[in-house]
């Protein structure tokens, strides 16, 4: 099949396109996004974009031998002071065991310490070491540089609109995930 544009070719491809919706693509059977095959829907674009953002941050944070999750933990502890592993896991939206493994690696590296909670000896608080505090400035600089690059050509109004749509999508997803009946 011959196509009129690269977007048309992608819209009629075999489904291996990773990038999501192609602006201006003609979708077989119409141009409505809901009529699109799964690899051209907005949800796929969001997932592909999230993956790319994570990859970009992981690549940049590799300069300081960290990944995005590790840098996020360090920044969270820097902002909120000694916090529990559970609070960190909730903030990251991941399980306590996975968070614990990441904290183990950070502790082995000497950038965080675990201290028993003064009110509950079963609970450990995570705090930055001097080496961890020394990384915060570099993490912040990497984050600011990459955010500037990511936002290039996207107006503040467009970012705010995207944030609003994304929050609504999150709300819809939470509602859809509730047990029915």
N, C-alpha and C. Protein backbone atom coordinates (compact mmCIF):
# COMPACT_ATOMS: atom_id res chain seq x y z
N UNK A 1 0.85 -1.19 0.00
CA UNK A 1 0.00 0.00 0.00
C UNK A 1 0.88 1.23 0.00
N UNK A 2 0.60 2.13 -0.93
CA UNK A 2 1.37 3.36 -1.00
C UNK A 2 0.69 4.41 -0.13
N UNK A 3 1.51 5.20 0.58
CA UNK A 3 0.91 6.20 1.46
C UNK A 3 1.33 7.58 1.02
N UNK A 4 0.53 8.56 1.43
CA UNK A 4 0.81 9.93 1.05
C UNK A 4 1.82 10.62 1.93
N UNK A 5 2.01 10.17 3.16
CA UNK A 5 2.93 10.83 4.08
C UNK A 5 3.49 9.81 5.06
N UNK A 6 4.59 10.17 5.74
CA UNK A 6 5.09 9.27 6.78
C UNK A 6 4.04 9.00 7.86
N UNK A 7 3.24 10.01 8.20
CA UNK A 7 2.21 9.82 9.22
C UNK A 7 1.18 8.80 8.75
N UNK A 8 0.79 8.86 7.44
CA UNK A 8 -0.14 7.89 6.91
C UNK A 8 0.45 6.49 6.97
N UNK A 9 1.73 6.38 6.66
CA UNK A 9 2.39 5.08 6.70
C UNK A 9 2.39 4.52 8.11
N UNK A 10 2.65 5.36 9.08
CA UNK A 10 2.65 4.91 10.47
C UNK A 10 1.24 4.53 10.91
N UNK A 11 0.26 5.29 10.48
CA UNK A 11 -1.10 5.02 10.89
C UNK A 11 -1.58 3.69 10.34
N UNK A 12 -1.02 3.24 9.22
CA UNK A 12 -1.44 1.96 8.65
C UNK A 12 -0.37 0.90 8.82
N UNK A 13 0.55 1.11 9.79
CA UNK A 13 1.64 0.17 10.00
C UNK A 13 1.17 -1.09 10.71
N UNK A 14 2.10 -1.98 11.01
CA UNK A 14 1.76 -3.27 11.60
C UNK A 14 1.65 -3.25 13.11
N UNK A 15 1.67 -2.09 13.74
CA UNK A 15 1.47 -2.02 15.18
C UNK A 15 2.75 -1.95 15.98
N UNK A 16 3.87 -1.87 15.32
CA UNK A 16 5.13 -1.84 16.06
C UNK A 16 5.61 -0.42 16.35
N UNK A 17 4.85 0.58 15.98
CA UNK A 17 5.22 1.96 16.24
C UNK A 17 5.15 2.24 17.73
N UNK A 18 6.25 2.73 18.32
CA UNK A 18 6.33 2.94 19.77
C UNK A 18 5.95 4.34 20.18
N UNK A 19 5.86 5.27 19.28
CA UNK A 19 5.73 6.66 19.67
C UNK A 19 4.34 7.16 19.99
N UNK A 20 3.30 6.39 19.69
CA UNK A 20 1.96 6.85 20.01
C UNK A 20 1.33 7.60 18.87
N UNK A 21 0.53 8.57 19.17
CA UNK A 21 -0.22 9.32 18.17
C UNK A 21 0.72 10.17 17.35
N UNK A 22 0.54 10.10 16.04
CA UNK A 22 1.32 10.91 15.12
C UNK A 22 0.49 12.13 14.78
N UNK A 23 0.98 13.35 15.12
CA UNK A 23 0.20 14.54 14.79
C UNK A 23 -0.13 14.57 13.30
N UNK A 24 -1.39 14.79 12.98
CA UNK A 24 -1.81 14.89 11.60
C UNK A 24 -2.00 13.55 10.90
N UNK A 25 -1.85 12.46 11.62
CA UNK A 25 -1.98 11.15 11.01
C UNK A 25 -3.43 10.91 10.60
N UNK A 26 -3.59 10.29 9.45
CA UNK A 26 -4.91 9.87 9.01
C UNK A 26 -5.09 8.44 9.48
N UNK A 27 -6.10 8.21 10.26
CA UNK A 27 -6.35 6.90 10.83
C UNK A 27 -7.40 6.21 9.97
N UNK A 28 -7.11 4.96 9.56
CA UNK A 28 -8.06 4.22 8.73
C UNK A 28 -9.45 4.27 9.33
N UNK A 29 -10.42 4.59 8.52
CA UNK A 29 -11.79 4.62 8.99
C UNK A 29 -12.16 5.95 9.63
N UNK A 30 -11.27 6.93 9.65
CA UNK A 30 -11.57 8.23 10.22
C UNK A 30 -10.37 8.82 10.92
N UNK A 31 -10.57 9.97 11.51
CA UNK A 31 -9.46 10.63 12.18
C UNK A 31 -9.65 10.71 13.68
N UNK A 32 -10.72 10.13 14.20
CA UNK A 32 -10.96 10.18 15.64
C UNK A 32 -10.01 9.26 16.36
N UNK A 33 -9.40 9.73 17.41
CA UNK A 33 -8.40 8.97 18.17
C UNK A 33 -8.96 7.65 18.69
N UNK A 34 -10.23 7.60 19.05
CA UNK A 34 -10.82 6.37 19.57
C UNK A 34 -10.95 5.30 18.49
N UNK A 35 -10.95 5.72 17.22
CA UNK A 35 -11.01 4.77 16.12
C UNK A 35 -9.63 4.22 15.78
N UNK A 36 -8.61 4.75 16.43
CA UNK A 36 -7.24 4.37 16.12
C UNK A 36 -6.91 2.99 16.66
N UNK A 37 -5.95 2.33 16.02
CA UNK A 37 -5.46 1.09 16.61
C UNK A 37 -4.75 1.41 17.92
N UNK A 38 -4.60 0.41 18.80
CA UNK A 38 -4.04 0.67 20.14
C UNK A 38 -2.71 1.42 20.14
N UNK A 39 -1.85 1.19 19.18
CA UNK A 39 -0.54 1.84 19.18
C UNK A 39 -0.59 3.30 18.77
N UNK A 40 -1.76 3.81 18.41
CA UNK A 40 -1.90 5.22 18.05
C UNK A 40 -2.80 5.99 19.01
N UNK A 41 -3.24 5.37 20.09
CA UNK A 41 -4.14 6.03 21.03
C UNK A 41 -3.36 6.89 22.02
N UNK A 42 -4.06 7.83 22.63
CA UNK A 42 -3.44 8.77 23.56
C UNK A 42 -2.79 8.05 24.74
N UNK A 43 -3.41 6.97 25.20
CA UNK A 43 -2.83 6.24 26.33
C UNK A 43 -1.46 5.67 25.98
N UNK A 44 -1.31 5.19 24.77
CA UNK A 44 -0.04 4.66 24.31
C UNK A 44 1.00 5.78 24.22
N UNK A 45 0.57 6.92 23.75
CA UNK A 45 1.47 8.07 23.67
C UNK A 45 1.95 8.47 25.06
N UNK A 46 1.02 8.49 26.02
CA UNK A 46 1.40 8.83 27.39
C UNK A 46 2.40 7.83 27.96
N UNK A 47 2.15 6.54 27.74
CA UNK A 47 3.07 5.52 28.26
C UNK A 47 4.44 5.62 27.59
N UNK A 48 4.46 5.84 26.29
CA UNK A 48 5.73 5.97 25.58
C UNK A 48 6.49 7.21 26.05
N UNK A 49 5.75 8.29 26.28
CA UNK A 49 6.38 9.53 26.77
C UNK A 49 6.94 9.33 28.17
N UNK A 50 6.18 8.67 29.03
CA UNK A 50 6.66 8.40 30.40
C UNK A 50 7.93 7.56 30.36
N UNK A 51 7.96 6.57 29.48
CA UNK A 51 9.17 5.74 29.33
C UNK A 51 10.36 6.57 28.90
N UNK A 52 10.13 7.44 27.91
CA UNK A 52 11.22 8.29 27.41
C UNK A 52 11.72 9.26 28.48
N UNK A 53 10.81 9.82 29.24
CA UNK A 53 11.21 10.73 30.31
C UNK A 53 12.07 9.97 31.32
N UNK A 54 11.64 8.79 31.71
CA UNK A 54 12.42 7.99 32.66
C UNK A 54 13.79 7.66 32.09
N UNK A 55 13.85 7.26 30.82
CA UNK A 55 15.12 6.94 30.19
C UNK A 55 16.04 8.16 30.17
N UNK A 56 15.47 9.34 29.86
CA UNK A 56 16.28 10.57 29.81
C UNK A 56 16.84 10.89 31.20
N UNK A 57 15.99 10.79 32.23
CA UNK A 57 16.48 11.05 33.59
C UNK A 57 17.51 10.02 34.03
N UNK A 58 17.26 8.75 33.73
CA UNK A 58 18.23 7.72 34.10
C UNK A 58 19.58 7.99 33.42
N UNK A 59 19.53 8.37 32.16
CA UNK A 59 20.77 8.68 31.43
C UNK A 59 21.52 9.85 32.07
N UNK A 60 20.80 10.90 32.39
CA UNK A 60 21.43 12.08 33.00
C UNK A 60 21.94 11.79 34.41
N UNK A 61 21.13 11.09 35.21
CA UNK A 61 21.55 10.80 36.58
C UNK A 61 22.69 9.79 36.64
N UNK A 62 22.94 9.08 35.54
CA UNK A 62 24.08 8.16 35.49
C UNK A 62 25.39 8.93 35.69
N UNK A 63 25.39 10.24 35.38
CA UNK A 63 26.57 11.08 35.60
C UNK A 63 27.01 11.07 37.06
N UNK A 64 26.04 10.87 37.96
CA UNK A 64 26.35 10.82 39.40
C UNK A 64 26.06 9.42 39.96
N UNK A 65 26.07 8.44 39.07
CA UNK A 65 25.89 7.03 39.44
C UNK A 65 24.56 6.79 40.17
N UNK A 66 23.49 7.41 39.67
CA UNK A 66 22.14 7.23 40.21
C UNK A 66 21.18 6.95 39.07
N UNK A 67 19.99 6.48 39.42
CA UNK A 67 18.89 6.45 38.47
C UNK A 67 17.79 7.37 39.00
N UNK A 68 16.69 7.50 38.25
CA UNK A 68 15.63 8.42 38.64
C UNK A 68 15.04 8.06 40.00
N UNK A 69 14.80 6.78 40.26
CA UNK A 69 14.23 6.37 41.54
C UNK A 69 15.15 6.75 42.69
N UNK A 70 16.43 6.47 42.56
CA UNK A 70 17.38 6.79 43.62
C UNK A 70 17.46 8.30 43.85
N UNK A 71 17.52 9.06 42.76
CA UNK A 71 17.58 10.52 42.88
C UNK A 71 16.30 11.05 43.52
N UNK A 72 15.16 10.47 43.17
CA UNK A 72 13.88 10.90 43.75
C UNK A 72 13.84 10.65 45.25
N UNK A 73 14.37 9.51 45.68
CA UNK A 73 14.42 9.21 47.11
C UNK A 73 15.30 10.24 47.82
N UNK A 74 16.46 10.50 47.29
CA UNK A 74 17.36 11.47 47.92
C UNK A 74 16.72 12.85 48.00
N UNK A 75 16.07 13.28 46.94
CA UNK A 75 15.42 14.60 46.95
C UNK A 75 14.24 14.64 47.93
N UNK A 76 13.49 13.56 48.02
CA UNK A 76 12.36 13.50 48.95
C UNK A 76 12.86 13.61 50.39
N UNK A 77 13.90 12.85 50.71
CA UNK A 77 14.45 12.89 52.07
C UNK A 77 15.06 14.27 52.33
N UNK A 78 15.71 14.86 51.33
CA UNK A 78 16.28 16.21 51.51
C UNK A 78 15.19 17.22 51.82
N UNK A 79 14.04 17.08 51.17
CA UNK A 79 12.96 18.05 51.37
C UNK A 79 12.21 17.83 52.68
N UNK A 80 11.97 16.58 53.06
CA UNK A 80 11.10 16.30 54.21
C UNK A 80 11.84 15.81 55.45
N UNK A 81 13.16 15.69 55.38
CA UNK A 81 13.91 15.24 56.54
C UNK A 81 13.77 13.74 56.72
N UNK A 82 14.22 13.22 57.84
CA UNK A 82 14.14 11.78 58.05
C UNK A 82 12.70 11.29 57.93
N UNK A 83 12.49 10.35 57.02
CA UNK A 83 11.15 9.82 56.76
C UNK A 83 11.20 8.30 56.76
N UNK A 84 10.04 7.69 56.91
CA UNK A 84 9.98 6.24 56.92
C UNK A 84 10.04 5.70 55.49
N UNK A 85 10.44 4.45 55.40
CA UNK A 85 10.47 3.77 54.12
C UNK A 85 9.07 3.72 53.51
N UNK A 86 8.05 3.56 54.35
CA UNK A 86 6.67 3.53 53.87
C UNK A 86 6.28 4.84 53.22
N UNK A 87 6.65 5.96 53.84
CA UNK A 87 6.35 7.29 53.25
C UNK A 87 7.03 7.43 51.89
N UNK A 88 8.27 6.98 51.80
CA UNK A 88 9.00 7.06 50.53
C UNK A 88 8.31 6.19 49.49
N UNK A 89 7.94 4.97 49.86
CA UNK A 89 7.26 4.06 48.92
C UNK A 89 5.95 4.67 48.43
N UNK A 90 5.18 5.25 49.35
CA UNK A 90 3.92 5.90 48.96
C UNK A 90 4.18 7.05 48.00
N UNK A 91 5.20 7.84 48.28
CA UNK A 91 5.54 8.98 47.42
C UNK A 91 5.92 8.49 46.01
N UNK A 92 6.67 7.41 45.94
CA UNK A 92 7.10 6.88 44.65
C UNK A 92 6.02 6.06 43.95
N UNK A 93 5.00 5.65 44.71
CA UNK A 93 3.96 4.82 44.13
C UNK A 93 4.43 3.41 43.84
N UNK A 94 5.30 2.91 44.71
CA UNK A 94 5.78 1.54 44.55
C UNK A 94 5.75 0.82 45.88
N UNK A 95 5.99 -0.46 45.87
CA UNK A 95 5.93 -1.26 47.07
C UNK A 95 7.06 -0.97 48.04
N UNK A 96 6.80 -1.33 49.32
CA UNK A 96 7.82 -1.11 50.36
C UNK A 96 9.06 -1.98 50.14
N UNK A 97 8.86 -3.19 49.63
CA UNK A 97 10.01 -4.09 49.41
C UNK A 97 10.93 -3.54 48.32
N UNK A 98 10.34 -3.08 47.21
CA UNK A 98 11.15 -2.51 46.13
C UNK A 98 11.86 -1.25 46.61
N UNK A 99 11.15 -0.44 47.37
CA UNK A 99 11.75 0.78 47.92
C UNK A 99 12.87 0.41 48.88
N UNK A 100 12.64 -0.59 49.70
CA UNK A 100 13.66 -1.05 50.63
C UNK A 100 14.93 -1.49 49.93
N UNK A 101 14.79 -2.19 48.81
CA UNK A 101 15.95 -2.63 48.03
C UNK A 101 16.73 -1.43 47.49
N UNK A 102 16.01 -0.43 47.03
CA UNK A 102 16.67 0.78 46.52
C UNK A 102 17.39 1.50 47.66
N UNK A 103 16.74 1.59 48.81
CA UNK A 103 17.36 2.24 49.97
C UNK A 103 18.59 1.45 50.41
N UNK A 104 18.52 0.11 50.35
CA UNK A 104 19.69 -0.71 50.67
C UNK A 104 20.89 -0.31 49.81
N UNK A 105 20.65 -0.16 48.51
CA UNK A 105 21.74 0.23 47.60
C UNK A 105 22.27 1.62 47.93
N UNK A 106 21.36 2.54 48.26
CA UNK A 106 21.80 3.88 48.62
C UNK A 106 22.59 3.87 49.93
N UNK A 107 22.17 3.02 50.85
CA UNK A 107 22.88 2.92 52.12
C UNK A 107 24.27 2.30 51.90
N UNK A 108 24.36 1.28 51.07
CA UNK A 108 25.66 0.67 50.75
C UNK A 108 26.60 1.69 50.12
N UNK A 109 26.03 2.59 49.37
CA UNK A 109 26.82 3.65 48.73
C UNK A 109 27.22 4.76 49.71
N UNK A 110 26.56 4.78 50.86
CA UNK A 110 26.91 5.76 51.89
C UNK A 110 26.22 7.10 51.77
N UNK A 111 25.07 7.14 51.06
CA UNK A 111 24.38 8.42 50.88
C UNK A 111 23.13 8.55 51.75
N UNK A 112 22.67 7.43 52.34
CA UNK A 112 21.58 7.47 53.32
C UNK A 112 21.93 6.55 54.48
N UNK A 113 21.28 6.82 55.61
CA UNK A 113 21.37 5.97 56.79
C UNK A 113 19.97 5.65 57.27
N UNK A 114 19.85 4.53 57.95
CA UNK A 114 18.60 4.17 58.61
C UNK A 114 18.80 4.36 60.11
N UNK A 115 17.82 5.01 60.74
CA UNK A 115 17.85 5.23 62.19
C UNK A 115 16.52 4.77 62.76
N UNK A 116 16.52 4.13 63.92
CA UNK A 116 15.24 3.72 64.52
C UNK A 116 14.40 4.94 64.88
N UNK A 117 13.11 4.80 64.69
CA UNK A 117 12.17 5.86 65.05
C UNK A 117 12.09 5.93 66.58
N UNK A 118 12.11 7.13 67.11
CA UNK A 118 12.10 7.29 68.57
C UNK A 118 10.77 6.86 69.20
N UNK A 119 9.68 6.89 68.42
CA UNK A 119 8.37 6.52 68.95
C UNK A 119 8.01 5.06 68.71
N UNK A 120 8.61 4.44 67.71
CA UNK A 120 8.26 3.07 67.36
C UNK A 120 9.51 2.35 66.87
N UNK A 121 10.07 1.51 67.69
CA UNK A 121 11.34 0.84 67.39
C UNK A 121 11.25 -0.11 66.20
N UNK A 122 10.04 -0.44 65.76
CA UNK A 122 9.89 -1.30 64.59
C UNK A 122 10.09 -0.52 63.29
N UNK A 123 10.01 0.79 63.39
CA UNK A 123 10.06 1.66 62.22
C UNK A 123 11.45 2.28 62.09
N UNK A 124 11.95 2.31 60.86
CA UNK A 124 13.23 2.94 60.57
C UNK A 124 13.00 4.22 59.79
N UNK A 125 13.75 5.24 60.16
CA UNK A 125 13.71 6.51 59.43
C UNK A 125 14.93 6.59 58.54
N UNK A 126 14.71 7.10 57.35
CA UNK A 126 15.77 7.24 56.36
C UNK A 126 16.22 8.70 56.36
N UNK A 127 17.53 8.90 56.46
CA UNK A 127 18.09 10.25 56.48
C UNK A 127 19.31 10.30 55.56
N UNK A 128 19.61 11.49 55.09
CA UNK A 128 20.79 11.68 54.26
C UNK A 128 22.06 11.71 55.11
N UNK A 129 23.11 11.17 54.55
CA UNK A 129 24.44 11.31 55.16
C UNK A 129 25.06 12.58 54.58
N UNK A 130 26.21 13.00 55.09
CA UNK A 130 26.89 14.15 54.46
C UNK A 130 27.15 13.91 52.96
N UNK A 131 27.50 12.67 52.58
CA UNK A 131 27.72 12.37 51.16
C UNK A 131 26.42 12.52 50.37
N UNK A 132 25.30 12.12 50.96
CA UNK A 132 24.00 12.28 50.32
C UNK A 132 23.63 13.74 50.16
N UNK A 133 23.87 14.53 51.20
CA UNK A 133 23.59 15.97 51.11
C UNK A 133 24.45 16.63 50.04
N UNK A 134 25.67 16.14 49.87
CA UNK A 134 26.55 16.71 48.86
C UNK A 134 26.03 16.44 47.44
N UNK A 135 25.27 15.37 47.25
CA UNK A 135 24.72 15.04 45.92
C UNK A 135 23.52 15.89 45.54
N UNK A 136 22.83 16.44 46.52
CA UNK A 136 21.57 17.14 46.27
C UNK A 136 21.74 18.29 45.28
N UNK A 137 22.78 19.07 45.43
CA UNK A 137 22.99 20.20 44.51
C UNK A 137 23.17 19.72 43.08
N UNK A 138 23.91 18.65 42.90
CA UNK A 138 24.14 18.11 41.55
C UNK A 138 22.84 17.51 40.98
N UNK A 139 22.08 16.80 41.80
CA UNK A 139 20.80 16.24 41.35
C UNK A 139 19.87 17.37 40.91
N UNK A 140 19.82 18.43 41.70
CA UNK A 140 18.97 19.57 41.38
C UNK A 140 19.38 20.20 40.06
N UNK A 141 20.67 20.37 39.84
CA UNK A 141 21.16 20.97 38.60
C UNK A 141 20.81 20.10 37.39
N UNK A 142 20.99 18.79 37.52
CA UNK A 142 20.65 17.88 36.42
C UNK A 142 19.15 17.96 36.13
N UNK A 143 18.33 17.95 37.17
CA UNK A 143 16.88 18.03 37.01
C UNK A 143 16.47 19.33 36.32
N UNK A 144 17.01 20.45 36.77
CA UNK A 144 16.65 21.73 36.18
C UNK A 144 17.04 21.81 34.71
N UNK A 145 18.22 21.32 34.38
CA UNK A 145 18.67 21.33 32.99
C UNK A 145 17.78 20.47 32.11
N UNK A 146 17.49 19.26 32.55
CA UNK A 146 16.66 18.37 31.74
C UNK A 146 15.23 18.89 31.62
N UNK A 147 14.67 19.41 32.70
CA UNK A 147 13.30 19.96 32.62
C UNK A 147 13.24 21.11 31.62
N UNK A 148 14.28 21.95 31.58
CA UNK A 148 14.33 23.04 30.61
C UNK A 148 14.33 22.48 29.18
N UNK A 149 15.11 21.43 28.96
CA UNK A 149 15.17 20.81 27.64
C UNK A 149 13.84 20.15 27.27
N UNK A 150 13.22 19.48 28.23
CA UNK A 150 11.95 18.80 27.97
C UNK A 150 10.84 19.79 27.63
N UNK A 151 10.89 20.95 28.21
CA UNK A 151 9.82 21.95 28.03
C UNK A 151 10.06 22.88 26.85
N UNK A 152 11.17 22.72 26.16
CA UNK A 152 11.50 23.58 25.04
C UNK A 152 10.37 23.56 24.01
N UNK A 153 9.88 24.73 23.65
CA UNK A 153 8.83 24.84 22.64
C UNK A 153 7.43 24.56 23.16
N UNK A 154 7.28 24.32 24.45
CA UNK A 154 5.97 24.06 25.04
C UNK A 154 5.65 25.21 26.00
N UNK A 155 4.61 25.95 25.70
CA UNK A 155 4.27 27.11 26.51
C UNK A 155 3.80 26.69 27.90
N UNK A 156 3.86 27.66 28.81
CA UNK A 156 3.36 27.42 30.16
C UNK A 156 1.88 27.03 30.13
N UNK A 157 1.11 27.70 29.27
CA UNK A 157 -0.32 27.39 29.16
C UNK A 157 -0.53 25.95 28.68
N UNK A 158 0.28 25.53 27.71
CA UNK A 158 0.16 24.14 27.21
C UNK A 158 0.54 23.15 28.30
N UNK A 159 1.57 23.46 29.08
CA UNK A 159 1.97 22.56 30.18
C UNK A 159 0.87 22.48 31.23
N UNK A 160 0.24 23.62 31.53
CA UNK A 160 -0.85 23.62 32.50
C UNK A 160 -2.05 22.84 31.98
N UNK A 161 -2.34 22.98 30.71
CA UNK A 161 -3.45 22.23 30.11
C UNK A 161 -3.15 20.73 30.15
N UNK A 162 -1.93 20.36 29.81
CA UNK A 162 -1.53 18.95 29.85
C UNK A 162 -1.64 18.41 31.27
N UNK A 163 -1.20 19.18 32.24
CA UNK A 163 -1.28 18.75 33.64
C UNK A 163 -2.74 18.54 34.04
N UNK A 164 -3.63 19.43 33.61
CA UNK A 164 -5.05 19.29 33.93
C UNK A 164 -5.65 18.04 33.30
N UNK A 165 -5.34 17.79 32.05
CA UNK A 165 -5.86 16.60 31.37
C UNK A 165 -5.29 15.34 32.02
N UNK A 166 -4.01 15.37 32.38
CA UNK A 166 -3.39 14.20 33.01
C UNK A 166 -4.00 13.92 34.37
N UNK A 167 -4.25 14.97 35.16
CA UNK A 167 -4.91 14.77 36.47
C UNK A 167 -6.30 14.18 36.29
N UNK A 168 -7.04 14.65 35.28
CA UNK A 168 -8.38 14.11 35.03
C UNK A 168 -8.29 12.65 34.61
N UNK A 169 -7.32 12.32 33.78
CA UNK A 169 -7.13 10.93 33.35
C UNK A 169 -6.79 10.06 34.57
N UNK A 170 -5.94 10.55 35.46
CA UNK A 170 -5.61 9.80 36.68
C UNK A 170 -6.86 9.57 37.53
N UNK A 171 -7.67 10.60 37.67
CA UNK A 171 -8.91 10.48 38.44
C UNK A 171 -9.83 9.44 37.81
N UNK A 172 -9.97 9.50 36.49
CA UNK A 172 -10.81 8.53 35.79
C UNK A 172 -10.28 7.11 35.98
N UNK A 173 -8.97 6.95 35.93
CA UNK A 173 -8.37 5.63 36.12
C UNK A 173 -8.61 5.10 37.52
N UNK A 174 -8.43 5.96 38.53
CA UNK A 174 -8.69 5.52 39.92
C UNK A 174 -10.13 5.06 40.07
N UNK A 175 -11.05 5.81 39.48
CA UNK A 175 -12.47 5.46 39.56
C UNK A 175 -12.72 4.14 38.82
N UNK A 176 -12.11 3.96 37.66
CA UNK A 176 -12.29 2.74 36.89
C UNK A 176 -11.70 1.51 37.59
N UNK A 177 -10.72 1.72 38.45
CA UNK A 177 -10.05 0.61 39.13
C UNK A 177 -10.77 0.20 40.41
N UNK A 178 -11.75 0.98 40.85
CA UNK A 178 -12.50 0.61 42.05
C UNK A 178 -13.31 -0.65 41.78
N UNK A 179 -13.39 -1.51 42.79
CA UNK A 179 -14.22 -2.70 42.62
C UNK A 179 -15.67 -2.32 42.37
N UNK A 180 -16.31 -3.03 41.48
CA UNK A 180 -17.72 -2.77 41.21
C UNK A 180 -18.57 -3.77 41.98
N UNK A 181 -19.75 -3.32 42.34
CA UNK A 181 -20.69 -4.22 43.00
C UNK A 181 -20.69 -4.18 44.44
